[in-house]
Amino acid sequence: MKQDNYPLGWDEARVQRLLAHYEEQSEEEAVAEDEAAFADQTQAVMEIPLELVPAVRALLAEHFGGNKIPA
């Protein structure tokens, strides 16, 4: 039997809700969601080299207390 490994706070139901959200979303809704994310003044968006992603994820996990990285 295959055991699924989900991040802390995630389970099959949450994954299915997320998939449904994006699969049912119109192109206009997707663009609006992206634009709202970029307009959020409490967040930053940056490009980083792929090889640094694990280190950045580790820093985020440490900042948010263990493995709890917000989705």
PDB file of N, CA and C in Angstrom:
ATOM      1  N   MET A   1       0.844  -1.179   0.000  1.00  0.00           N
ATOM      2  CA  MET A   1       0.000   0.000   0.000  1.00  0.00           C
ATOM      3  C   MET A   1       0.893   1.247   0.000  1.00  0.00           C
ATOM      4  N   LYS A   2       0.607   2.183  -0.915  1.00  0.00           N
ATOM      5  CA  LYS A   2       1.375   3.418  -1.020  1.00  0.00           C
ATOM      6  C   LYS A   2       0.903   4.415   0.031  1.00  0.00           C
ATOM      7  N   GLN A   3       1.854   4.991   0.747  1.00  0.00           N
ATOM      8  CA  GLN A   3       1.507   6.000   1.743  1.00  0.00           C
ATOM      9  C   GLN A   3       1.822   7.371   1.164  1.00  0.00           C
ATOM     10  N   ASP A   4       0.833   8.267   1.161  1.00  0.00           N
ATOM     11  CA  ASP A   4       1.042   9.618   0.659  1.00  0.00           C
ATOM     12  C   ASP A   4       1.743  10.451   1.717  1.00  0.00           C
ATOM     13  N   ASN A   5       2.659  11.275   1.266  1.00  0.00           N
ATOM     14  CA  ASN A   5       3.367  12.185   2.165  1.00  0.00           C
ATOM     15  C   ASN A   5       2.948  13.606   1.845  1.00  0.00           C
ATOM     16  N   TYR A   6       2.249  14.243   2.762  1.00  0.00           N
ATOM     17  CA  TYR A   6       1.795  15.605   2.586  1.00  0.00           C
ATOM     18  C   TYR A   6       2.529  16.501   3.566  1.00  0.00           C
ATOM     19  N   PRO A   7       2.714  17.782   3.196  1.00  0.00           N
ATOM     20  CA  PRO A   7       3.297  18.727   4.160  1.00  0.00           C
ATOM     21  C   PRO A   7       2.397  18.849   5.388  1.00  0.00           C
ATOM     22  N   LEU A   8       2.968  19.306   6.460  1.00  0.00           N
ATOM     23  CA  LEU A   8       2.221  19.509   7.696  1.00  0.00           C
ATOM     24  C   LEU A   8       0.985  20.358   7.414  1.00  0.00           C
ATOM     25  N   GLY A   9      -0.168  19.890   7.848  1.00  0.00           N
ATOM     26  CA  GLY A   9      -1.420  20.612   7.660  1.00  0.00           C
ATOM     27  C   GLY A   9      -2.152  20.279   6.365  1.00  0.00           C
ATOM     28  N   TRP A  10      -1.562  19.435   5.530  1.00  0.00           N
ATOM     29  CA  TRP A  10      -2.173  19.051   4.265  1.00  0.00           C
ATOM     30  C   TRP A  10      -2.654  17.618   4.341  1.00  0.00           C
ATOM     31  N   ASP A  11      -3.704  17.315   3.575  1.00  0.00           N
ATOM     32  CA  ASP A  11      -4.194  15.951   3.440  1.00  0.00           C
ATOM     33  C   ASP A  11      -4.832  15.825   2.063  1.00  0.00           C
ATOM     34  N   GLU A  12      -5.333  14.649   1.737  1.00  0.00           N
ATOM     35  CA  GLU A  12      -5.924  14.406   0.425  1.00  0.00           C
ATOM     36  C   GLU A  12      -7.068  15.369   0.129  1.00  0.00           C
ATOM     37  N   ALA A  13      -7.905  15.636   1.119  1.00  0.00           N
ATOM     38  CA  ALA A  13      -9.047  16.530   0.911  1.00  0.00           C
ATOM     39  C   ALA A  13      -8.582  17.941   0.551  1.00  0.00           C
ATOM     40  N   ARG A  14      -7.563  18.430   1.220  1.00  0.00           N
ATOM     41  CA  ARG A  14      -7.060  19.775   0.930  1.00  0.00           C
ATOM     42  C   ARG A  14      -6.471  19.835  -0.477  1.00  0.00           C
ATOM     43  N   VAL A  15      -5.748  18.810  -0.870  1.00  0.00           N
ATOM     44  CA  VAL A  15      -5.182  18.750  -2.219  1.00  0.00           C
ATOM     45  C   VAL A  15      -6.300  18.760  -3.253  1.00  0.00           C
ATOM     46  N   GLN A  16      -7.351  17.985  -3.026  1.00  0.00           N
ATOM     47  CA  GLN A  16      -8.467  17.926  -3.969  1.00  0.00           C
ATOM     48  C   GLN A  16      -9.190  19.271  -4.066  1.00  0.00           C
ATOM     49  N   ARG A  17      -9.345  19.980  -2.926  1.00  0.00           N
ATOM     50  CA  ARG A  17      -9.974  21.311  -2.952  1.00  0.00           C
ATOM     51  C   ARG A  17      -9.130  22.292  -3.768  1.00  0.00           C
ATOM     52  N   LEU A  18      -7.818  22.221  -3.596  1.00  0.00           N
ATOM     53  CA  LEU A  18      -6.919  23.103  -4.326  1.00  0.00           C
ATOM     54  C   LEU A  18      -6.983  22.817  -5.830  1.00  0.00           C
ATOM     55  N   LEU A  19      -6.939  21.532  -6.185  1.00  0.00           N
ATOM     56  CA  LEU A  19      -7.048  21.161  -7.599  1.00  0.00           C
ATOM     57  C   LEU A  19      -8.367  21.640  -8.199  1.00  0.00           C
ATOM     58  N   ALA A  20      -9.460  21.450  -7.490  1.00  0.00           N
ATOM     59  CA  ALA A  20     -10.774  21.870  -7.978  1.00  0.00           C
ATOM     60  C   ALA A  20     -10.810  23.383  -8.183  1.00  0.00           C
ATOM     61  N   HIS A  21     -10.223  24.125  -7.242  1.00  0.00           N
ATOM     62  CA  HIS A  21     -10.196  25.591  -7.347  1.00  0.00           C
ATOM     63  C   HIS A  21      -9.564  26.023  -8.662  1.00  0.00           C
ATOM     64  N   TYR A  22      -8.394  25.472  -8.977  1.00  0.00           N
ATOM     65  CA  TYR A  22      -7.688  25.899 -10.183  1.00  0.00           C
ATOM     66  C   TYR A  22      -8.267  25.307 -11.458  1.00  0.00           C
ATOM     67  N   GLU A  23      -8.817  24.113 -11.401  1.00  0.00           N
ATOM     68  CA  GLU A  23      -9.407  23.507 -12.590  1.00  0.00           C
ATOM     69  C   GLU A  23     -10.717  24.180 -12.990  1.00  0.00           C
ATOM     70  N   GLU A  24     -11.460  24.716 -12.023  1.00  0.00           N
ATOM     71  CA  GLU A  24     -12.751  25.338 -12.292  1.00  0.00           C
ATOM     72  C   GLU A  24     -12.645  26.837 -12.562  1.00  0.00           C
ATOM     73  N   GLN A  25     -11.477  27.393 -12.382  1.00  0.00           N
ATOM     74  CA  GLN A  25     -11.264  28.823 -12.511  1.00  0.00           C
ATOM     75  C   GLN A  25     -11.184  29.236 -13.992  1.00  0.00           C
ATOM     76  N   SER A  26     -11.856  30.335 -14.325  1.00  0.00           N
ATOM     77  CA  SER A  26     -11.757  30.860 -15.687  1.00  0.00           C
ATOM     78  C   SER A  26     -10.412  31.563 -15.857  1.00  0.00           C
ATOM     79  N   GLU A  27     -10.044  31.829 -17.104  1.00  0.00           N
ATOM     80  CA  GLU A  27      -8.782  32.530 -17.362  1.00  0.00           C
ATOM     81  C   GLU A  27      -8.807  33.922 -16.736  1.00  0.00           C
ATOM     82  N   GLU A  28      -9.947  34.596 -16.813  1.00  0.00           N
ATOM     83  CA  GLU A  28     -10.083  35.930 -16.223  1.00  0.00           C
ATOM     84  C   GLU A  28      -9.906  35.877 -14.702  1.00  0.00           C
ATOM     85  N   GLU A  29     -10.481  34.860 -14.068  1.00  0.00           N
ATOM     86  CA  GLU A  29     -10.330  34.704 -12.614  1.00  0.00           C
ATOM     87  C   GLU A  29      -8.877  34.422 -12.250  1.00  0.00           C
ATOM     88  N   ALA A  30      -8.204  33.628 -13.064  1.00  0.00           N
ATOM     89  CA  ALA A  30      -6.798  33.310 -12.802  1.00  0.00           C
ATOM     90  C   ALA A  30      -5.932  34.561 -12.898  1.00  0.00           C
ATOM     91  N   VAL A  31      -6.170  35.370 -13.918  1.00  0.00           N
ATOM     92  CA  VAL A  31      -5.413  36.614 -14.079  1.00  0.00           C
ATOM     93  C   VAL A  31      -5.684  37.548 -12.908  1.00  0.00           C
ATOM     94  N   ALA A  32      -6.949  37.678 -12.506  1.00  0.00           N
ATOM     95  CA  ALA A  32      -7.304  38.547 -11.378  1.00  0.00           C
ATOM     96  C   ALA A  32      -6.626  38.072 -10.097  1.00  0.00           C
ATOM     97  N   GLU A  33      -6.576  36.764  -9.888  1.00  0.00           N
ATOM     98  CA  GLU A  33      -5.920  36.221  -8.692  1.00  0.00           C
ATOM     99  C   GLU A  33      -4.426  36.539  -8.706  1.00  0.00           C
ATOM    100  N   ASP A  34      -3.789  36.370  -9.877  1.00  0.00           N
ATOM    101  CA  ASP A  34      -2.363  36.690  -9.992  1.00  0.00           C
ATOM    102  C   ASP A  34      -2.110  38.177  -9.750  1.00  0.00           C
ATOM    103  N   GLU A  35      -2.921  39.028 -10.339  1.00  0.00           N
ATOM    104  CA  GLU A  35      -2.740  40.470 -10.168  1.00  0.00           C
ATOM    105  C   GLU A  35      -2.928  40.888  -8.712  1.00  0.00           C
ATOM    106  N   ALA A  36      -3.888  40.280  -8.034  1.00  0.00           N
ATOM    107  CA  ALA A  36      -4.107  40.589  -6.619  1.00  0.00           C
ATOM    108  C   ALA A  36      -2.908  40.176  -5.782  1.00  0.00           C
ATOM    109  N   ALA A  37      -2.310  39.045  -6.112  1.00  0.00           N
ATOM    110  CA  ALA A  37      -1.133  38.581  -5.372  1.00  0.00           C
ATOM    111  C   ALA A  37       0.024  39.556  -5.539  1.00  0.00           C
ATOM    112  N   PHE A  38       0.236  40.049  -6.756  1.00  0.00           N
ATOM    113  CA  PHE A  38       1.322  40.993  -7.004  1.00  0.00           C
ATOM    114  C   PHE A  38       1.049  42.357  -6.382  1.00  0.00           C
ATOM    115  N   ALA A  39      -0.209  42.704  -6.188  1.00  0.00           N
ATOM    116  CA  ALA A  39      -0.566  43.993  -5.604  1.00  0.00           C
ATOM    117  C   ALA A  39      -0.488  43.997  -4.086  1.00  0.00           C
ATOM    118  N   ASP A  40      -0.411  42.820  -3.461  1.00  0.00           N
ATOM    119  CA  ASP A  40      -0.360  42.700  -1.997  1.00  0.00           C
ATOM    120  C   ASP A  40       0.936  43.313  -1.479  1.00  0.00           C
ATOM    121  N   GLN A  41       0.828  44.440  -0.785  1.00  0.00           N
ATOM    122  CA  GLN A  41       1.994  45.156  -0.278  1.00  0.00           C
ATOM    123  C   GLN A  41       2.657  44.485   0.926  1.00  0.00           C
ATOM    124  N   THR A  42       2.049  43.416   1.448  1.00  0.00           N
ATOM    125  CA  THR A  42       2.646  42.716   2.590  1.00  0.00           C
ATOM    126  C   THR A  42       3.514  41.543   2.147  1.00  0.00           C
ATOM    127  N   GLN A  43       3.589  41.305   0.835  1.00  0.00           N
ATOM    128  CA  GLN A  43       4.339  40.177   0.290  1.00  0.00           C
ATOM    129  C   GLN A  43       5.329  40.682  -0.756  1.00  0.00           C
ATOM    130  N   ALA A  44       6.353  39.879  -1.012  1.00  0.00           N
ATOM    131  CA  ALA A  44       7.322  40.191  -2.064  1.00  0.00           C
ATOM    132  C   ALA A  44       7.397  39.005  -3.024  1.00  0.00           C
ATOM    133  N   VAL A  45       7.598  39.325  -4.280  1.00  0.00           N
ATOM    134  CA  VAL A  45       7.766  38.302  -5.299  1.00  0.00           C
ATOM    135  C   VAL A  45       9.167  38.491  -5.871  1.00  0.00           C
ATOM    136  N   MET A  46       9.942  37.407  -5.902  1.00  0.00           N
ATOM    137  CA  MET A  46      11.293  37.499  -6.439  1.00  0.00           C
ATOM    138  C   MET A  46      11.662  36.225  -7.166  1.00  0.00           C
ATOM    139  N   GLU A  47      12.572  36.368  -8.114  1.00  0.00           N
ATOM    140  CA  GLU A  47      13.099  35.210  -8.808  1.00  0.00           C
ATOM    141  C   GLU A  47      14.387  34.796  -8.116  1.00  0.00           C
ATOM    142  N   ILE A  48      14.529  33.485  -7.920  1.00  0.00           N
ATOM    143  CA  ILE A  48      15.768  32.961  -7.350  1.00  0.00           C
ATOM    144  C   ILE A  48      16.200  31.762  -8.183  1.00  0.00           C
ATOM    145  N   PRO A  49      17.489  31.505  -8.228  1.00  0.00           N
ATOM    146  CA  PRO A  49      17.951  30.314  -8.954  1.00  0.00           C
ATOM    147  C   PRO A  49      17.364  29.046  -8.334  1.00  0.00           C
ATOM    148  N   LEU A  50      17.016  28.092  -9.175  1.00  0.00           N
ATOM    149  CA  LEU A  50      16.406  26.847  -8.700  1.00  0.00           C
ATOM    150  C   LEU A  50      17.249  26.146  -7.644  1.00  0.00           C
ATOM    151  N   GLU A  51      18.556  26.222  -7.769  1.00  0.00           N
ATOM    152  CA  GLU A  51      19.396  25.521  -6.787  1.00  0.00           C
ATOM    153  C   GLU A  51      19.300  26.134  -5.390  1.00  0.00           C
ATOM    154  N   LEU A  52      18.761  27.355  -5.281  1.00  0.00           N
ATOM    155  CA  LEU A  52      18.595  27.986  -3.969  1.00  0.00           C
ATOM    156  C   LEU A  52      17.233  27.713  -3.342  1.00  0.00           C
ATOM    157  N   VAL A  53      16.317  27.132  -4.086  1.00  0.00           N
ATOM    158  CA  VAL A  53      14.965  26.893  -3.575  1.00  0.00           C
ATOM    159  C   VAL A  53      14.971  26.086  -2.273  1.00  0.00           C
ATOM    160  N   PRO A  54      15.726  24.982  -2.163  1.00  0.00           N
ATOM    161  CA  PRO A  54      15.721  24.250  -0.889  1.00  0.00           C
ATOM    162  C   PRO A  54      16.178  25.104   0.301  1.00  0.00           C
ATOM    163  N   ALA A  55      17.175  25.945   0.089  1.00  0.00           N
ATOM    164  CA  ALA A  55      17.660  26.797   1.187  1.00  0.00           C
ATOM    165  C   ALA A  55      16.612  27.836   1.569  1.00  0.00           C
ATOM    166  N   VAL A  56      15.932  28.406   0.583  1.00  0.00           N
ATOM    167  CA  VAL A  56      14.890  29.396   0.868  1.00  0.00           C
ATOM    168  C   VAL A  56      13.719  28.736   1.589  1.00  0.00           C
ATOM    169  N   ARG A  57      13.332  27.539   1.141  1.00  0.00           N
ATOM    170  CA  ARG A  57      12.246  26.813   1.823  1.00  0.00           C
ATOM    171  C   ARG A  57      12.620  26.522   3.281  1.00  0.00           C
ATOM    172  N   ALA A  58      13.877  26.157   3.518  1.00  0.00           N
ATOM    173  CA  ALA A  58      14.325  25.889   4.887  1.00  0.00           C
ATOM    174  C   ALA A  58      14.253  27.154   5.736  1.00  0.00           C
ATOM    175  N   LEU A  59      14.641  28.282   5.180  1.00  0.00           N
ATOM    176  CA  LEU A  59      14.548  29.545   5.915  1.00  0.00           C
ATOM    177  C   LEU A  59      13.093  29.901   6.225  1.00  0.00           C
ATOM    178  N   LEU A  60      12.207  29.693   5.261  1.00  0.00           N
ATOM    179  CA  LEU A  60      10.784  29.956   5.499  1.00  0.00           C
ATOM    180  C   LEU A  60      10.235  29.034   6.584  1.00  0.00           C
ATOM    181  N   ALA A  61      10.610  27.761   6.525  1.00  0.00           N
ATOM    182  CA  ALA A  61      10.146  26.808   7.543  1.00  0.00           C
ATOM    183  C   ALA A  61      10.617  27.240   8.920  1.00  0.00           C
ATOM    184  N   GLU A  62      11.868  27.673   9.005  1.00  0.00           N
ATOM    185  CA  GLU A  62      12.400  28.131  10.292  1.00  0.00           C
ATOM    186  C   GLU A  62      11.645  29.375  10.779  1.00  0.00           C
ATOM    187  N   HIS A  63      11.399  30.289   9.877  1.00  0.00           N
ATOM    188  CA  HIS A  63      10.686  31.527  10.215  1.00  0.00           C
ATOM    189  C   HIS A  63       9.271  31.237  10.715  1.00  0.00           C
ATOM    190  N   PHE A  64       8.597  30.285  10.076  1.00  0.00           N
ATOM    191  CA  PHE A  64       7.219  29.968  10.437  1.00  0.00           C
ATOM    192  C   PHE A  64       7.126  28.855  11.470  1.00  0.00           C
ATOM    193  N   GLY A  65       8.236  28.442  12.047  1.00  0.00           N
ATOM    194  CA  GLY A  65       8.215  27.466  13.127  1.00  0.00           C
ATOM    195  C   GLY A  65       8.129  26.031  12.668  1.00  0.00           C
ATOM    196  N   GLY A  66       9.235  25.476  12.262  1.00  0.00           N
ATOM    197  CA  GLY A  66       9.269  24.082  11.849  1.00  0.00           C
ATOM    198  C   GLY A  66       8.880  23.936  10.405  1.00  0.00           C
ATOM    199  N   ASN A  67       8.062  22.943  10.099  1.00  0.00           N
ATOM    200  CA  ASN A  67       7.685  22.644   8.716  1.00  0.00           C
ATOM    201  C   ASN A  67       6.424  23.367   8.281  1.00  0.00           C
ATOM    202  N   LYS A  68       5.945  24.296   9.069  1.00  0.00           N
ATOM    203  CA  LYS A  68       4.662  24.938   8.784  1.00  0.00           C
ATOM    204  C   LYS A  68       4.857  26.140   7.878  1.00  0.00           C
ATOM    205  N   ILE A  69       4.889  25.902   6.577  1.00  0.00           N
ATOM    206  CA  ILE A  69       4.982  26.963   5.590  1.00  0.00           C
ATOM    207  C   ILE A  69       3.577  27.224   5.068  1.00  0.00           C
ATOM    208  N   PRO A  70       3.099  28.477   5.135  1.00  0.00           N
ATOM    209  CA  PRO A  70       1.746  28.756   4.679  1.00  0.00           C
ATOM    210  C   PRO A  70       1.546  28.386   3.213  1.00  0.00           C
ATOM    211  N   ALA A  71       0.377  27.919   2.894  1.00  0.00           N
ATOM    212  CA  ALA A  71       0.074  27.554   1.508  1.00  0.00           C
ATOM    213  C   ALA A  71      -0.470  28.736   0.753  1.00  0.00           C
TER     214      ALA A  71
END
